[in-house]
């Protein structure tokens, strides 16, 4: 099976499993809020954000190590694979130890982070369980990375889907029976152990690793170190821009605001994770493919790939922009909706987050993290500084955080990440600039339409949500179809990947 076909198979398996998992998680969230309340939901979001910050210690190893494993897998060098996997295991165990120590050190400061809520021994116990779960995810991480690098992301997806689905159902039952935050998190820890064990069993039976005592090469160590530094800076930037919001809101507002923000961000995470899963399955295929392409083929494929990403990001943006408030109102109640401006800012930030995935996937697949090591640091410093100014001086609350994210995105990632790709093997051509201009025009027109005509629901119902969804679905589909079929790369995609392949 070709690299592209493997990537497509992996993408579809991951996509379907992710969608079903997300549906179950939304159902779980409903039971969680009804059983434990908004304060507990705020704690859940806050603890996940804190551990995301601590987990920066893994320096984005998944994508860094993926690049190192691709060549020996392609060459079927089982001796080198074993050496690399052994080295990777040691790295992840070191990361787990660092996360455990830093997590324990955070405990005395929880009372300063959680504004307006007394930190009881029970809250500390819950945090420790979250910490244990985060540590355990690194104890089996080398097997996940190996499967992804071997273009077997579908195996990871199937295992994750089965375990996560079972865990979610068990958590819903526990919330109904025990009404306990403690039981909820213990179930998650058991699921993490089960998931890692299943991946270990699959790798031990299906991937040949010839045992030896050879150390990994100096070149591989240098590659891991250099890209690790680039990965670390990227992790810092990503966390500060997307993960620090809950922590800052907890410090400057309260857990209820954190909880309401987390509901919208759960919608964002749901749609972004679907796209991320599909693209992460394609990333090893990009790495295998680019090795064999000449310069023109690289540029063509990069343009077609990004054109598809931009259109996908616009579709998601449009559906979120016009339906998010309706969905929140039906799902959790109208009192939990945000203002029109807040919804727009969340949607625009999500749009940029998805649109940048084309360049990010190339950077990861080609091992270019070192090349952009300073970009995330600049992005993080700018975002954190502006966020604090917006919160502390201007008292803008959630809108201040979202404006800071938007500013840091526009001034850094939207041009720096493509620049790294264009400086390392892909030629910048005017065709790519045309794609960007059309995408910006499409998005700007939709934002103007939203500001002029959209009205938030007053009496939201499931029927109203469905009607609203269908109305705007027609609007979005028409716009995307016009853009796709009138663009050079849209027609090229149809000719090259649909008509010509069907004729073979």
Protein backbone atom coordinates (compact mmCIF):
# COMPACT_ATOMS: atom_id res chain seq x y z
CA UNK A 1 0.00 0.00 0.00
CA UNK A 2 1.39 3.46 -0.94
CA UNK A 3 2.22 6.10 1.68
CA UNK A 4 -0.71 8.29 0.64
CA UNK A 5 -3.18 5.38 0.77
CA UNK A 6 -1.92 4.35 4.20
CA UNK A 7 -2.32 7.93 5.36
CA UNK A 8 -5.88 8.06 4.04
CA UNK A 9 -6.81 4.76 5.72
CA UNK A 10 -5.28 5.94 9.00
CA UNK A 11 -7.10 9.26 8.68
CA UNK A 12 -10.51 7.68 8.18
CA UNK A 13 -10.13 5.23 11.06
CA UNK A 14 -8.94 8.00 13.36
CA UNK A 15 -11.69 10.33 12.18
CA UNK A 16 -14.55 7.90 12.82
CA UNK A 17 -13.23 6.78 16.20
CA UNK A 18 -12.61 10.37 17.27
CA UNK A 19 -16.13 11.50 16.33
CA UNK A 20 -17.76 8.69 18.32
CA UNK A 21 -15.46 9.34 21.29
CA UNK A 22 -16.31 13.05 21.22
CA UNK A 23 -20.04 12.30 21.29
CA UNK A 24 -19.53 10.15 24.38
CA UNK A 25 -17.39 12.82 26.04
CA UNK A 26 -20.10 15.46 25.47
CA UNK A 27 -22.58 13.10 27.10
CA UNK A 28 -20.12 12.61 29.96
CA UNK A 29 -19.79 16.39 30.40
CA UNK A 30 -23.58 16.72 30.78
CA UNK A 31 -23.62 14.14 33.58
CA UNK A 32 -20.55 15.71 35.17
CA UNK A 33 -22.13 19.18 35.38
CA UNK A 34 -25.46 17.82 36.62
CA UNK A 35 -23.83 15.58 39.25
CA UNK A 36 -20.89 17.64 40.51
CA UNK A 37 -21.66 21.23 39.43
CA UNK A 38 -19.79 24.04 37.70
CA UNK A 39 -17.16 24.43 40.43
CA UNK A 40 -16.02 20.82 39.99
CA UNK A 41 -16.04 21.35 36.22
CA UNK A 42 -13.83 24.41 36.72
CA UNK A 43 -11.41 22.33 38.80
CA UNK A 44 -11.32 19.68 36.08
CA UNK A 45 -10.40 22.28 33.44
CA UNK A 46 -7.90 24.01 35.73
CA UNK A 47 -6.07 20.82 36.73
CA UNK A 48 -5.83 19.74 33.09
CA UNK A 49 -4.33 23.14 32.22
CA UNK A 50 -1.82 22.99 35.08
CA UNK A 51 -0.68 19.53 34.02
CA UNK A 52 -0.45 20.69 30.40
CA UNK A 53 1.97 23.35 31.62
CA UNK A 54 4.00 20.80 33.59
CA UNK A 55 3.98 18.40 30.65
CA UNK A 56 5.94 20.93 28.62
CA UNK A 57 8.83 18.85 30.02
CA UNK A 58 8.23 16.29 27.26
CA UNK A 59 9.43 18.95 24.73
CA UNK A 60 6.98 17.64 22.12
CA UNK A 61 8.86 14.35 21.92
CA UNK A 62 6.14 12.56 19.95
CA UNK A 63 6.70 14.58 16.79
CA UNK A 64 10.47 14.89 17.33
CA UNK A 65 10.93 11.13 17.66
CA UNK A 66 8.51 10.35 14.85
CA UNK A 67 10.94 11.90 12.38
CA UNK A 68 13.90 9.88 13.74
CA UNK A 69 12.00 6.57 13.46
CA UNK A 70 10.75 7.01 9.89
CA UNK A 71 14.02 6.14 8.10
CA UNK A 72 14.88 2.91 9.99
CA UNK A 73 11.27 1.77 9.61
CA UNK A 74 11.42 2.49 5.88
CA UNK A 75 14.73 0.58 5.63
CA UNK A 76 13.52 -2.26 7.93
CA UNK A 77 16.59 -1.77 10.13
CA UNK A 78 15.37 -3.76 13.16
CA UNK A 79 18.63 -3.37 15.10
CA UNK A 80 18.55 0.41 14.91
CA UNK A 81 14.85 0.42 15.74
CA UNK A 82 15.48 -1.46 18.98
CA UNK A 83 18.25 0.95 19.97
CA UNK A 84 16.06 3.95 19.25
CA UNK A 85 13.04 2.57 21.11
CA UNK A 86 15.22 1.78 24.14
CA UNK A 87 16.59 5.31 24.12
CA UNK A 88 13.08 6.74 23.68
CA UNK A 89 11.85 4.70 26.66
CA UNK A 90 14.54 6.21 28.89
CA UNK A 91 13.63 9.70 27.68
CA UNK A 92 9.96 9.26 28.49
CA UNK A 93 10.66 7.81 31.94
CA UNK A 94 12.86 10.83 32.66
CA UNK A 95 10.03 13.11 31.59
CA UNK A 96 7.59 11.22 33.82
CA UNK A 97 9.90 11.73 36.80
CA UNK A 98 10.22 15.46 36.11
CA UNK A 99 6.45 15.87 35.80
CA UNK A 100 5.88 14.03 39.08
CA UNK A 101 8.37 16.20 41.00
CA UNK A 102 7.15 19.50 39.52
CA UNK A 103 3.52 18.48 40.09
CA UNK A 104 4.14 17.82 43.78
CA UNK A 105 5.88 21.21 44.05
CA UNK A 106 2.75 22.92 42.65
CA UNK A 107 0.51 21.68 45.48
CA UNK A 108 1.47 24.42 48.04
CA UNK A 109 0.52 27.08 45.46
CA UNK A 110 -2.95 25.75 44.61
CA UNK A 111 -4.59 28.18 47.04
CA UNK A 112 -3.00 31.08 45.11
CA UNK A 113 -4.12 29.70 41.76
CA UNK A 114 -7.72 28.87 42.72
CA UNK A 115 -9.43 32.21 43.41
CA UNK A 116 -12.49 32.22 45.69
CA UNK A 117 -12.39 28.52 46.64
CA UNK A 118 -10.88 27.01 49.80
CA UNK A 119 -8.32 24.31 48.92
CA UNK A 120 -9.28 21.28 51.01
CA UNK A 121 -7.40 17.97 51.41
CA UNK A 122 -10.01 16.46 49.08
CA UNK A 123 -9.11 18.94 46.31
CA UNK A 124 -5.42 18.14 46.82
CA UNK A 125 -6.19 14.41 46.55
CA UNK A 126 -8.05 15.00 43.27
CA UNK A 127 -5.07 16.96 41.93
CA UNK A 128 -2.72 14.11 42.90
CA UNK A 129 -4.87 11.67 40.94
CA UNK A 130 -4.70 13.94 37.89
CA UNK A 131 -0.92 14.08 38.36
CA UNK A 132 -0.61 10.28 38.60
CA UNK A 133 -2.64 9.90 35.41
CA UNK A 134 -0.40 12.40 33.59
CA UNK A 135 2.74 10.53 34.72
CA UNK A 136 1.35 7.15 33.63
CA UNK A 137 0.72 8.36 30.08
CA UNK A 138 4.50 8.50 29.58
CA UNK A 139 5.18 4.97 30.78
CA UNK A 140 3.98 3.45 27.49
CA UNK A 141 4.55 6.42 25.18
CA UNK A 142 7.32 4.82 23.07
CA UNK A 143 4.85 2.26 21.69
CA UNK A 144 2.41 4.96 20.58
CA UNK A 145 5.20 6.86 18.81
CA UNK A 146 6.49 3.69 17.12
CA UNK A 147 3.04 2.78 15.79
CA UNK A 148 2.46 6.31 14.47
CA UNK A 149 5.86 6.37 12.76
CA UNK A 150 5.09 2.98 11.18
CA UNK A 151 1.92 4.46 9.62
CA UNK A 152 -0.23 2.38 11.96
CA UNK A 153 -2.04 5.30 13.56
CA UNK A 154 -5.25 3.36 13.01
CA UNK A 155 -4.09 0.84 15.64
CA UNK A 156 -3.54 3.65 18.13
CA UNK A 157 -6.96 5.05 17.20
CA UNK A 158 -8.77 1.74 17.62
CA UNK A 159 -7.17 1.03 21.00
CA UNK A 160 -7.77 4.60 22.16
CA UNK A 161 -11.35 4.48 20.95
CA UNK A 162 -12.19 1.18 22.66
CA UNK A 163 -10.58 2.13 25.96
CA UNK A 164 -11.82 5.72 25.99
CA UNK A 165 -15.37 4.67 25.14
CA UNK A 166 -15.38 2.07 27.90
CA UNK A 167 -13.89 4.60 30.33
CA UNK A 168 -16.46 7.26 29.46
CA UNK A 169 -19.38 4.88 29.92
CA UNK A 170 -17.92 3.71 33.24
CA UNK A 171 -17.50 7.33 34.38
CA UNK A 172 -21.10 8.16 33.49
CA UNK A 173 -22.28 5.14 35.50
CA UNK A 174 -20.07 6.13 38.44
CA UNK A 175 -21.44 9.69 38.40
CA UNK A 176 -24.98 8.30 38.55
CA UNK A 177 -24.24 5.72 41.23
CA UNK A 178 -21.54 7.31 43.43
CA UNK A 179 -21.75 11.01 42.50
CA UNK A 180 -18.00 11.08 43.21
CA UNK A 181 -15.17 13.13 41.65
CA UNK A 182 -12.73 10.64 43.19
CA UNK A 183 -14.27 7.61 41.46
CA UNK A 184 -14.42 9.58 38.20
CA UNK A 185 -10.66 10.14 38.18
CA UNK A 186 -9.70 6.64 39.41
CA UNK A 187 -11.51 5.19 36.39
CA UNK A 188 -9.44 7.45 34.13
CA UNK A 189 -6.19 6.20 35.69
CA UNK A 190 -7.22 2.56 35.13
CA UNK A 191 -8.05 3.37 31.51
CA UNK A 192 -4.62 4.96 30.95
CA UNK A 193 -2.88 1.81 32.21
CA UNK A 194 -5.09 -0.44 30.07
CA UNK A 195 -4.50 1.66 26.93
CA UNK A 196 -0.71 1.59 27.33
CA UNK A 197 -0.70 -2.16 28.01
CA UNK A 198 -2.69 -2.91 24.85
CA UNK A 199 -0.29 -0.87 22.72
CA UNK A 200 2.67 -2.71 24.24
CA UNK A 201 1.08 -6.08 23.46
CA UNK A 202 0.37 -5.10 19.84
CA UNK A 203 3.91 -3.80 19.22
CA UNK A 204 5.52 -6.88 20.80
CA UNK A 205 3.60 -9.14 18.42
CA UNK A 206 3.62 -7.16 15.15
CA UNK A 207 6.78 -5.04 14.97
CA UNK A 208 10.21 -6.68 14.86
CA UNK A 209 12.70 -5.16 17.28
CA UNK A 210 15.96 -7.13 17.25
CA UNK A 211 17.51 -6.88 20.71
CA UNK A 212 21.04 -5.49 20.90
CA UNK A 213 23.22 -3.30 23.11
CA UNK A 214 24.24 -0.81 20.43
CA UNK A 215 23.81 2.85 21.45
CA UNK A 216 22.06 5.20 19.05
CA UNK A 217 24.27 7.19 16.70
CA UNK A 218 25.66 10.62 17.49
CA UNK A 219 23.72 12.06 14.55
CA UNK A 220 20.43 10.72 15.92
CA UNK A 221 21.21 12.16 19.35
CA UNK A 222 21.98 15.53 17.80
CA UNK A 223 18.75 15.42 15.80
CA UNK A 224 16.69 14.57 18.90
CA UNK A 225 18.46 17.24 20.96
CA UNK A 226 18.13 20.01 18.36
CA UNK A 227 14.53 19.25 17.47
CA UNK A 228 13.81 18.68 21.16
CA UNK A 229 14.82 22.26 21.88
CA UNK A 230 12.65 23.41 18.99
CA UNK A 231 9.85 21.19 20.25
CA UNK A 232 10.20 22.62 23.77
CA UNK A 233 9.86 26.18 22.55
CA UNK A 234 6.87 25.17 20.45
CA UNK A 235 5.26 23.44 23.45
CA UNK A 236 5.77 26.54 25.58
CA UNK A 237 4.22 28.72 22.92
CA UNK A 238 1.27 26.38 22.42
CA UNK A 239 0.56 26.13 26.13
CA UNK A 240 0.80 29.85 26.82
CA UNK A 241 -1.45 30.67 23.86
CA UNK A 242 -4.04 27.90 24.29
CA UNK A 243 -3.49 26.24 27.66
CA UNK A 244 -2.85 29.07 30.11
CA UNK A 245 -6.31 30.60 29.72
CA UNK A 246 -7.93 28.49 32.43
CA UNK A 247 -5.09 29.21 34.86
CA UNK A 248 -5.25 32.98 34.27
CA UNK A 249 -9.06 33.02 34.49
CA UNK A 250 -8.88 31.06 37.75
CA UNK A 251 -6.42 33.56 39.23
CA UNK A 252 -8.20 36.73 38.05
CA UNK A 253 -11.87 35.61 38.03
CA UNK A 254 -13.32 32.37 39.48
CA UNK A 255 -13.89 28.68 38.76
CA UNK A 256 -17.40 29.27 37.36
CA UNK A 257 -15.94 31.46 34.58
CA UNK A 258 -13.34 28.76 33.95
CA UNK A 259 -16.11 26.17 33.69
CA UNK A 260 -18.16 28.20 31.19
CA UNK A 261 -15.11 28.95 29.09
CA UNK A 262 -14.18 25.25 29.15
CA UNK A 263 -17.59 24.38 27.65
CA UNK A 264 -16.86 26.46 24.55
CA UNK A 265 -13.29 25.23 24.43
CA UNK A 266 -14.58 21.67 24.58
CA UNK A 267 -16.45 22.40 21.34
CA UNK A 268 -13.27 23.86 19.87
CA UNK A 269 -11.19 20.90 21.05
CA UNK A 270 -13.72 18.48 19.59
CA UNK A 271 -13.56 19.88 16.06
CA UNK A 272 -9.81 20.57 16.21
CA UNK A 273 -9.08 17.05 17.49
CA UNK A 274 -10.99 15.53 14.58
CA UNK A 275 -8.80 17.41 12.11
CA UNK A 276 -5.64 16.82 14.14
CA UNK A 277 -6.27 13.08 14.27
CA UNK A 278 -6.77 12.92 10.53
CA UNK A 279 -3.65 14.99 9.84
CA UNK A 280 -1.45 13.23 12.38
CA UNK A 281 -2.18 10.01 10.51
CA UNK A 282 -1.00 11.73 7.31
CA UNK A 283 2.21 13.15 8.83
CA UNK A 284 4.38 9.99 8.52
CA UNK A 285 3.08 9.66 4.95
CA UNK A 286 4.24 13.20 4.22
CA UNK A 287 7.66 12.33 5.60
CA UNK A 288 7.93 9.18 3.47
CA UNK A 289 6.57 11.00 0.40
CA UNK A 290 8.74 14.13 0.53
CA UNK A 291 11.89 11.98 0.55
CA UNK A 292 10.98 10.85 -2.97
CA UNK A 293 9.65 14.15 -4.45
CA UNK A 294 11.44 16.71 -6.62
CA UNK A 295 11.09 20.47 -5.95
CA UNK A 296 8.06 21.07 -8.21
CA UNK A 297 6.21 18.09 -6.76
CA UNK A 298 6.92 19.32 -3.21
CA UNK A 299 5.54 22.78 -3.98
CA UNK A 300 2.46 21.41 -5.76
CA UNK A 301 1.63 19.01 -2.98
CA UNK A 302 2.19 21.66 -0.28
CA UNK A 303 -0.15 24.08 -2.07
CA UNK A 304 -2.88 21.48 -2.60
CA UNK A 305 -2.49 20.26 0.99
CA UNK A 306 -2.80 23.78 2.43
CA UNK A 307 -5.69 24.66 0.13
CA UNK A 308 -7.58 21.72 1.60
CA UNK A 309 -6.62 22.72 5.16
CA UNK A 310 -7.79 26.29 4.62
CA UNK A 311 -11.15 25.19 3.24
CA UNK A 312 -11.61 22.70 6.08
CA UNK A 313 -10.76 25.40 8.63
CA UNK A 314 -13.29 27.76 7.06
CA UNK A 315 -16.04 25.12 7.13
CA UNK A 316 -15.38 24.42 10.82
CA UNK A 317 -15.16 28.14 11.55
CA UNK A 318 -18.49 28.84 9.86
CA UNK A 319 -20.37 26.03 11.58
CA UNK A 320 -18.94 27.00 14.98
CA UNK A 321 -19.59 30.72 14.54
CA UNK A 322 -23.28 30.32 13.69
CA UNK A 323 -24.14 27.30 15.85
CA UNK A 324 -21.98 27.33 19.01
CA UNK A 325 -24.38 29.49 21.06
CA UNK A 326 -27.36 27.40 20.01
CA UNK A 327 -25.54 24.20 20.92
CA UNK A 328 -24.45 25.47 24.36
CA UNK A 329 -28.01 26.71 25.07
CA UNK A 330 -29.57 23.35 24.18
CA UNK A 331 -26.82 21.25 25.77
CA UNK A 332 -26.26 23.04 29.09
CA UNK A 333 -28.69 25.99 29.26
CA UNK A 334 -28.95 29.53 27.88
CA UNK A 335 -27.45 31.03 31.03
CA UNK A 336 -24.11 29.49 30.05
CA UNK A 337 -23.87 31.25 26.67
CA UNK A 338 -21.22 33.90 26.00
CA UNK A 339 -21.74 37.23 24.22
CA UNK A 340 -21.67 37.59 20.44
CA UNK A 341 -18.21 39.19 20.55
CA UNK A 342 -16.77 36.42 22.74
CA UNK A 343 -18.12 33.73 20.42
CA UNK A 344 -16.59 35.53 17.41
CA UNK A 345 -13.17 35.81 19.08
CA UNK A 346 -13.21 32.11 20.03
CA UNK A 347 -14.16 31.19 16.44
CA UNK A 348 -11.45 33.33 14.82
CA UNK A 349 -8.75 31.92 17.12
CA UNK A 350 -9.95 28.41 16.28
CA UNK A 351 -9.81 29.25 12.57
CA UNK A 352 -6.16 30.30 12.82
CA UNK A 353 -5.36 27.26 14.96
CA UNK A 354 -6.65 24.93 12.23
CA UNK A 355 -5.36 26.91 9.24
CA UNK A 356 -1.76 26.71 10.50
CA UNK A 357 -1.84 22.89 10.58
CA UNK A 358 -0.66 22.59 6.98
CA UNK A 359 2.67 24.24 7.74
CA UNK A 360 2.96 22.61 11.17
CA UNK A 361 2.54 19.12 9.71
CA UNK A 362 5.34 19.76 7.23
CA UNK A 363 7.56 21.13 9.99
CA UNK A 364 6.96 18.02 12.10
CA UNK A 365 7.23 15.55 9.22
CA UNK A 366 10.51 17.06 8.01
CA UNK A 367 12.01 17.49 11.49
CA UNK A 368 12.26 21.29 11.27
CA UNK A 369 11.40 22.11 14.91
CA UNK A 370 14.89 23.48 15.51
CA UNK A 371 14.44 25.96 12.65
CA UNK A 372 11.56 27.69 14.45
CA UNK A 373 12.83 27.49 18.01
CA UNK A 374 12.46 31.22 18.70
CA UNK A 375 9.02 31.71 17.20
CA UNK A 376 7.04 30.03 20.01
CA UNK A 377 9.03 31.88 22.67
CA UNK A 378 8.19 35.25 21.09
CA UNK A 379 4.57 34.13 20.71
CA UNK A 380 4.35 33.00 24.34
CA UNK A 381 5.90 36.14 25.83
CA UNK A 382 3.67 38.39 23.75
CA UNK A 383 0.52 36.41 24.55
CA UNK A 384 1.17 36.20 28.30
CA UNK A 385 2.11 39.89 28.59
CA UNK A 386 -0.95 41.13 26.70
CA UNK A 387 -3.25 38.68 28.57
CA UNK A 388 -2.14 39.99 31.97
CA UNK A 389 -2.52 43.62 30.80
CA UNK A 390 -6.02 42.90 29.49
CA UNK A 391 -7.03 41.10 32.69
CA UNK A 392 -5.31 43.17 35.37
CA UNK A 393 -5.40 46.71 33.94
CA UNK A 394 -8.36 46.78 31.54
CA UNK A 395 -10.48 44.16 33.40
CA UNK A 396 -11.68 42.66 30.10
CA UNK A 397 -11.97 39.12 31.46
CA UNK A 398 -12.43 36.40 28.90
CA UNK A 399 -12.44 38.84 25.94
CA UNK A 400 -9.05 40.17 27.03
CA UNK A 401 -7.54 36.68 26.94
CA UNK A 402 -9.03 35.97 23.53
CA UNK A 403 -7.80 39.30 22.11
CA UNK A 404 -4.30 38.54 23.41
CA UNK A 405 -4.37 35.14 21.69
CA UNK A 406 -5.54 36.70 18.43
CA UNK A 407 -2.81 39.34 18.55
CA UNK A 408 -0.04 36.81 19.21
CA UNK A 409 -1.32 34.59 16.39
CA UNK A 410 -1.45 37.39 13.81
CA UNK A 411 1.98 38.79 14.68
CA UNK A 412 3.82 35.44 14.76
CA UNK A 413 2.46 32.06 13.64
CA UNK A 414 0.47 33.03 10.55
CA UNK A 415 3.63 34.04 8.66
CA UNK A 416 6.58 32.54 10.59
CA UNK A 417 5.54 28.89 10.21
CA UNK A 418 5.05 28.97 6.41
CA UNK A 419 8.37 30.83 6.20
CA UNK A 420 10.19 27.88 7.84
CA UNK A 421 8.73 25.49 5.26
CA UNK A 422 9.59 27.76 2.34
CA UNK A 423 13.17 28.08 3.56
CA UNK A 424 13.63 24.31 3.79
CA UNK A 425 12.74 22.51 0.58
CA UNK A 426 9.41 23.98 -0.60
CA UNK A 427 9.46 26.91 -3.04
CA UNK A 428 7.21 29.92 -2.35
CA UNK A 429 5.20 30.60 -5.51
CA UNK A 430 2.53 33.16 -6.34
CA UNK A 431 -0.03 30.34 -6.47
CA UNK A 432 0.27 29.92 -2.70
CA UNK A 433 -0.27 33.66 -2.16
CA UNK A 434 -3.45 33.49 -4.27
CA UNK A 435 -4.73 30.68 -2.01
CA UNK A 436 -4.11 32.81 1.10
CA UNK A 437 -5.79 35.91 -0.39
CA UNK A 438 -8.92 33.96 -1.36
CA UNK A 439 -9.07 32.37 2.08
CA UNK A 440 -8.77 35.73 3.90
CA UNK A 441 -11.43 37.28 1.65
CA UNK A 442 -13.84 34.41 2.30
CA UNK A 443 -13.32 34.64 6.06
CA UNK A 444 -13.63 38.44 6.24
CA UNK A 445 -16.92 38.38 4.33
CA UNK A 446 -18.34 35.77 6.70
CA UNK A 447 -17.31 37.79 9.79
CA UNK A 448 -19.04 40.89 8.38
CA UNK A 449 -22.17 38.86 7.67
CA UNK A 450 -22.11 37.46 11.22
CA UNK A 451 -21.79 40.89 12.83
CA UNK A 452 -24.57 42.37 10.72
CA UNK A 453 -27.21 39.63 10.70
CA UNK A 454 -26.62 36.93 13.33
CA UNK A 455 -28.86 36.93 16.42
CA UNK A 456 -28.23 34.72 19.48
CA UNK A 457 -31.09 32.35 20.39
CA UNK A 458 -33.65 33.44 23.01
CA UNK A 459 -35.58 30.18 23.36
CA UNK A 460 -33.22 27.50 22.13
CA UNK A 461 -34.66 24.09 21.26
CA UNK A 462 -33.28 21.03 19.52
CA UNK A 463 -35.53 21.79 16.52
CA UNK A 464 -34.29 25.39 16.45
CA UNK A 465 -30.70 24.17 16.57
CA UNK A 466 -31.34 21.80 13.65
CA UNK A 467 -33.01 24.51 11.54
CA UNK A 468 -30.22 26.99 12.31
CA UNK A 469 -27.59 24.36 11.43
CA UNK A 470 -29.21 23.55 8.08
CA UNK A 471 -29.66 27.22 7.14
CA UNK A 472 -26.02 28.07 7.67
CA UNK A 473 -24.87 24.73 6.25
CA UNK A 474 -26.33 25.80 2.91
CA UNK A 475 -24.57 29.17 3.15
CA UNK A 476 -21.19 27.59 3.98
CA UNK A 477 -21.42 24.80 1.40
CA UNK A 478 -22.25 27.27 -1.39
CA UNK A 479 -19.31 29.53 -0.49
CA UNK A 480 -16.83 26.66 -0.20
CA UNK A 481 -18.03 25.07 -3.44
CA UNK A 482 -17.60 28.35 -5.34
CA UNK A 483 -14.11 28.83 -3.91
CA UNK A 484 -13.04 25.23 -4.57
CA UNK A 485 -14.32 24.84 -8.12
CA UNK A 486 -13.10 28.29 -9.25
CA UNK A 487 -9.60 27.78 -7.85
CA UNK A 488 -6.66 26.33 -9.79
CA UNK A 489 -5.76 23.95 -6.97
CA UNK A 490 -9.33 22.75 -6.54
CA UNK A 491 -9.51 21.75 -10.20
CA UNK A 492 -6.00 20.28 -10.00
CA UNK A 493 -7.00 18.16 -7.01
CA UNK A 494 -10.05 16.79 -8.88
CA UNK A 495 -7.99 16.02 -11.96
CA UNK A 496 -4.97 14.48 -10.23
CA UNK A 497 -6.48 12.64 -7.28
CA UNK A 498 -10.00 11.77 -8.44
CA UNK A 499 -10.33 11.59 -12.24
CA UNK A 500 -6.85 10.24 -13.08
CA UNK A 501 -6.88 7.70 -10.22
CA UNK A 502 -10.33 6.44 -11.18
CA UNK A 503 -9.20 5.99 -14.78
CA UNK A 504 -6.22 3.82 -13.74
